[in-house]
Amino acid sequence: MNLLSILLTSGALQDTVASSQFAQSVAPLAGGAPAESYFSLLLKGGWILLPLFLLLLLAIYVIIERAVILSSLSKSDSVWFARVNELLSENKTEKATKFCNEQPNAYARVVGAGLAEANQPVEAIQESMQSEANQQINRMEQHMNWLGITASIAPMLGFLGTIFGVIKIFYDIALTNDFEIATISDGLYQKMICSGVGLFVGIIAYSGYYLLNGKIDRIIAGMDKYANEILRTIRSIKHKNAEL
């Protein structure tokens, strides 16, 4: 009876020791790797992140600057055009032209260019308005090419940084013959940061490019609308003057 008790006690002690050792060995695994901040992860991306951040700043600057310019060029209401028609009905073409040139929007500039040639044939008026419209379009599209370049180059730069990182990982493996999964995955996730940042910058630039282009298209449509309306008004006035 005593022997049985001793054996049972010994077995219980061995189970307790084994459980304690297992818990100690599993504890580091359960704890996992220490958490890292997003900034520290970005720093591990390498030198390729520097041009990517510069491209991000460039894209943000161009988007904001173009948005402000387009907002000022598209500000319009029906009051100014009604005033132009009123002046034209009173045969005050010069005042109407001056009034248009004082307006900040692109529509008034195009109409003003046509009114400046109001005494010329209709074809000359159309050419004048078309020339002014082209100048306004060129003004609106300034710096837009930088957004297109950024949207194309940023993802490729990020992928290039990842490729450099993978090359370095396998080069180190060839030198040390250390082919552990932990070594490969640690280096690889750091270099994948480059691809992530490149895609993020590309998405920002791509989105800004197409949103701003949509705004430009709407302004161009507005310029065509006002140009056609003022052309009809001028034709009507010329027709009335010819009948007198």
Protein backbone atom coordinates (compact mmCIF):
# COMPACT_ATOMS: atom_id res chain seq x y z
CA MET A 1 0.00 0.00 0.00
CA ASN A 2 2.82 2.36 0.84
CA LEU A 3 4.59 1.45 -2.40
CA LEU A 4 1.49 2.29 -4.42
CA SER A 5 1.20 5.68 -2.74
CA ILE A 6 4.85 6.44 -3.44
CA LEU A 7 4.42 5.53 -7.13
CA LEU A 8 1.32 7.68 -7.48
CA THR A 9 3.02 10.63 -5.79
CA SER A 10 6.08 10.27 -8.04
CA GLY A 11 3.92 10.17 -11.16
CA ALA A 12 2.01 13.28 -10.09
CA LEU A 13 5.26 15.16 -9.50
CA GLN A 14 6.58 14.19 -12.94
CA ASP A 15 3.33 15.39 -14.60
CA THR A 16 3.55 18.69 -12.73
CA VAL A 17 7.17 19.24 -13.78
CA ALA A 18 6.41 18.33 -17.38
CA SER A 19 3.43 20.67 -17.47
CA SER A 20 5.52 23.50 -16.04
CA GLN A 21 8.28 22.98 -18.61
CA PHE A 22 5.74 22.86 -21.45
CA ALA A 23 4.10 26.06 -20.27
CA GLN A 24 7.46 27.81 -20.09
CA SER A 25 8.38 26.69 -23.60
CA VAL A 26 5.01 27.73 -25.05
CA ALA A 27 4.84 31.08 -23.25
CA PRO A 28 7.26 32.90 -25.61
CA LEU A 29 5.39 31.51 -28.62
CA ALA A 30 2.03 32.56 -27.24
CA GLY A 31 3.35 36.03 -26.53
CA GLY A 32 4.36 36.41 -30.18
CA ALA A 33 6.64 39.04 -31.60
CA PRO A 34 6.60 42.44 -29.96
CA ALA A 35 4.20 44.86 -31.61
CA GLU A 36 5.75 47.51 -33.85
CA SER A 37 4.44 50.94 -34.70
CA TYR A 38 3.55 51.84 -38.27
CA PHE A 39 6.37 54.38 -38.36
CA SER A 40 8.98 51.80 -37.35
CA LEU A 41 7.65 49.43 -40.00
CA LEU A 42 7.94 52.15 -42.64
CA LEU A 43 11.54 52.81 -41.68
CA LYS A 44 12.34 49.18 -42.47
CA GLY A 45 11.28 49.70 -46.06
CA GLY A 46 14.69 51.00 -47.05
CA TRP A 47 16.00 53.93 -49.07
CA ILE A 48 13.45 53.42 -51.86
CA LEU A 49 10.83 54.99 -49.58
CA LEU A 50 12.50 58.40 -49.91
CA PRO A 51 11.56 58.96 -53.59
CA LEU A 52 8.13 57.46 -52.87
CA PHE A 53 7.48 60.00 -50.11
CA LEU A 54 8.69 62.80 -52.40
CA LEU A 55 6.25 61.62 -55.07
CA LEU A 56 3.47 61.54 -52.46
CA LEU A 57 4.19 65.14 -51.45
CA LEU A 58 4.27 66.17 -55.12
CA ALA A 59 0.94 64.46 -55.80
CA ILE A 60 -0.74 66.08 -52.79
CA TYR A 61 0.61 69.52 -53.76
CA VAL A 62 -0.57 69.22 -57.37
CA ILE A 63 -4.02 67.95 -56.34
CA ILE A 64 -4.57 70.81 -53.90
CA GLU A 65 -3.14 73.48 -56.22
CA ARG A 66 -5.19 72.30 -59.22
CA ALA A 67 -8.34 71.97 -57.12
CA VAL A 68 -8.01 75.61 -56.04
CA ILE A 69 -7.37 76.83 -59.59
CA LEU A 70 -10.24 74.83 -61.09
CA SER A 71 -12.56 76.01 -58.36
CA SER A 72 -11.84 79.65 -59.22
CA LEU A 73 -12.19 79.04 -62.97
CA SER A 74 -15.52 77.25 -62.58
CA LYS A 75 -17.23 79.77 -60.29
CA SER A 76 -20.17 81.06 -62.22
CA ASP A 77 -23.82 81.99 -61.95
CA SER A 78 -26.55 83.10 -64.30
CA VAL A 79 -26.30 86.75 -63.23
CA TRP A 80 -23.19 87.65 -65.19
CA PHE A 81 -24.45 86.08 -68.42
CA ALA A 82 -27.82 87.79 -68.04
CA ARG A 83 -25.94 91.08 -67.59
CA VAL A 84 -23.95 90.42 -70.77
CA ASN A 85 -27.14 89.78 -72.75
CA GLU A 86 -28.65 92.94 -71.32
CA LEU A 87 -25.67 95.04 -72.40
CA LEU A 88 -25.72 93.47 -75.86
CA SER A 89 -29.41 94.23 -76.26
CA GLU A 90 -28.53 97.86 -75.54
CA ASN A 91 -25.72 97.72 -78.18
CA LYS A 92 -23.09 98.25 -75.47
CA THR A 93 -20.67 95.64 -76.79
CA GLU A 94 -17.54 97.27 -75.35
CA LYS A 95 -19.03 97.39 -71.86
CA ALA A 96 -20.10 93.77 -72.18
CA THR A 97 -16.57 92.80 -73.24
CA LYS A 98 -15.03 94.69 -70.33
CA PHE A 99 -17.52 93.13 -67.92
CA CYS A 100 -16.61 89.63 -69.12
CA ASN A 101 -12.88 90.25 -68.80
CA GLU A 102 -13.38 91.33 -65.19
CA GLN A 103 -14.93 87.98 -64.26
CA PRO A 104 -12.59 85.31 -62.80
CA ASN A 105 -14.21 82.28 -64.45
CA ALA A 106 -13.16 80.65 -67.70
CA TYR A 107 -16.63 80.94 -69.25
CA ALA A 108 -16.58 84.75 -69.14
CA ARG A 109 -13.09 84.87 -70.65
CA VAL A 110 -14.21 82.82 -73.65
CA VAL A 111 -17.35 84.93 -74.11
CA GLY A 112 -15.29 88.10 -73.76
CA ALA A 113 -12.93 86.93 -76.50
CA GLY A 114 -15.89 86.46 -78.81
CA LEU A 115 -17.39 89.85 -77.95
CA ALA A 116 -14.08 91.54 -78.71
CA GLU A 117 -14.58 90.40 -82.32
CA ALA A 118 -18.30 91.10 -82.39
CA ASN A 119 -17.97 93.41 -85.43
CA GLN A 120 -16.19 90.71 -87.42
CA PRO A 121 -17.78 87.80 -89.33
CA VAL A 122 -19.16 84.89 -87.33
CA GLU A 123 -16.24 82.67 -88.35
CA ALA A 124 -13.77 85.14 -86.84
CA ILE A 125 -15.79 85.24 -83.61
CA GLN A 126 -15.75 81.44 -83.42
CA GLU A 127 -11.99 81.31 -83.99
CA SER A 128 -11.40 83.92 -81.30
CA MET A 129 -13.47 82.03 -78.74
CA GLN A 130 -11.83 78.73 -79.71
CA SER A 131 -8.38 80.26 -79.27
CA GLU A 132 -9.28 81.60 -75.83
CA ALA A 133 -10.84 78.25 -74.87
CA ASN A 134 -7.60 76.48 -75.80
CA GLN A 135 -5.64 78.87 -73.59
CA GLN A 136 -8.00 78.25 -70.69
CA ILE A 137 -7.73 74.47 -71.18
CA ASN A 138 -3.94 74.72 -71.24
CA ARG A 139 -4.08 76.70 -67.99
CA MET A 140 -6.35 74.11 -66.36
CA GLU A 141 -4.16 71.18 -67.42
CA GLN A 142 -0.89 72.62 -66.09
CA HIS A 143 1.01 70.19 -63.81
CA MET A 144 -1.54 67.43 -64.47
CA ASN A 145 1.19 65.41 -66.19
CA TRP A 146 2.97 65.09 -62.83
CA LEU A 147 0.00 63.22 -61.43
CA GLY A 148 0.03 60.85 -64.40
CA ILE A 149 3.77 60.25 -64.01
CA THR A 150 3.41 59.65 -60.26
CA ALA A 151 0.52 57.22 -60.75
CA SER A 152 2.66 55.20 -63.17
CA ILE A 153 6.07 55.34 -61.49
CA ALA A 154 5.21 54.99 -57.78
CA PRO A 155 3.97 51.35 -57.95
CA MET A 156 6.97 50.38 -60.08
CA LEU A 157 9.38 52.01 -57.62
CA GLY A 158 7.72 50.13 -54.75
CA PHE A 159 7.99 46.85 -56.63
CA LEU A 160 11.62 47.63 -57.43
CA GLY A 161 12.35 48.11 -53.73
CA THR A 162 10.76 44.74 -52.97
CA ILE A 163 12.84 43.04 -55.68
CA PHE A 164 16.04 44.55 -54.25
CA GLY A 165 15.05 43.23 -50.82
CA VAL A 166 14.36 39.72 -52.11
CA ILE A 167 17.69 39.69 -53.94
CA LYS A 168 19.47 40.67 -50.73
CA ILE A 169 17.65 37.96 -48.75
CA PHE A 170 18.73 35.19 -51.11
CA TYR A 171 22.23 36.61 -51.35
CA ASP A 172 22.55 36.44 -47.57
CA ILE A 173 21.22 32.86 -47.63
CA ALA A 174 23.86 31.93 -50.21
CA LEU A 175 26.58 33.35 -47.96
CA THR A 176 25.41 31.90 -44.64
CA ASN A 177 23.49 28.80 -45.76
CA ASP A 178 20.83 29.87 -43.24
CA PHE A 179 17.58 28.79 -44.87
CA GLU A 180 15.24 29.24 -41.93
CA ILE A 181 11.67 30.36 -42.55
CA ALA A 182 11.92 32.99 -39.81
CA THR A 183 14.87 34.66 -41.52
CA ILE A 184 13.17 34.73 -44.93
CA SER A 185 9.78 35.91 -43.71
CA ASP A 186 11.27 38.64 -41.50
CA GLY A 187 13.24 40.15 -44.37
CA LEU A 188 10.44 39.68 -46.89
CA TYR A 189 7.69 41.41 -44.93
CA GLN A 190 10.00 44.38 -44.43
CA LYS A 191 10.61 44.70 -48.16
CA MET A 192 6.94 44.21 -49.04
CA ILE A 193 6.40 47.56 -47.31
CA CYS A 194 7.92 49.20 -50.41
CA SER A 195 5.25 47.67 -52.65
CA GLY A 196 2.50 48.73 -50.26
CA VAL A 197 3.70 52.32 -50.08
CA GLY A 198 4.18 52.47 -53.86
CA LEU A 199 0.63 51.27 -54.47
CA PHE A 200 -0.74 53.74 -51.92
CA VAL A 201 1.03 56.68 -53.59
CA GLY A 202 -0.09 55.48 -57.01
CA ILE A 203 -3.73 55.24 -55.91
CA ILE A 204 -3.64 58.78 -54.49
CA ALA A 205 -2.16 60.20 -57.70
CA TYR A 206 -4.45 58.15 -59.96
CA SER A 207 -7.59 59.17 -58.08
CA GLY A 208 -6.60 62.85 -58.05
CA TYR A 209 -5.76 62.76 -61.76
CA TYR A 210 -9.14 61.43 -62.83
CA LEU A 211 -11.16 63.53 -60.39
CA LEU A 212 -9.46 66.69 -61.64
CA ASN A 213 -9.87 65.62 -65.26
CA GLY A 214 -13.58 65.18 -64.64
CA LYS A 215 -13.71 68.73 -63.29
CA ILE A 216 -11.86 70.02 -66.35
CA ASP A 217 -14.28 68.22 -68.69
CA ARG A 218 -17.23 69.88 -66.94
CA ILE A 219 -15.64 73.32 -67.31
CA ILE A 220 -14.98 72.68 -71.01
CA ALA A 221 -18.62 71.68 -71.48
CA GLY A 222 -19.64 74.93 -69.77
CA MET A 223 -17.39 76.97 -72.04
CA ASP A 224 -18.97 75.35 -75.10
CA LYS A 225 -22.44 76.07 -73.76
CA TYR A 226 -21.84 79.78 -73.12
CA ALA A 227 -19.92 80.18 -76.38
CA ASN A 228 -22.82 78.74 -78.38
CA GLU A 229 -25.35 80.91 -76.54
CA ILE A 230 -23.40 84.13 -77.04
CA LEU A 231 -22.88 83.22 -80.69
CA ARG A 232 -26.63 82.87 -81.17
CA THR A 233 -27.14 86.23 -79.48
CA ILE A 234 -24.58 87.93 -81.74
CA ARG A 235 -26.15 86.39 -84.84
CA SER A 236 -29.56 87.59 -83.73
CA ILE A 237 -28.26 91.12 -83.19
CA LYS A 238 -26.51 91.14 -86.58
CA HIS A 239 -29.69 89.90 -88.23
CA LYS A 240 -31.76 92.66 -86.60
CA ASN A 241 -29.22 95.33 -87.56
CA ALA A 242 -29.26 94.07 -91.15
CA GLU A 243 -33.02 94.47 -91.34
CA LEU A 244 -32.90 98.09 -90.16
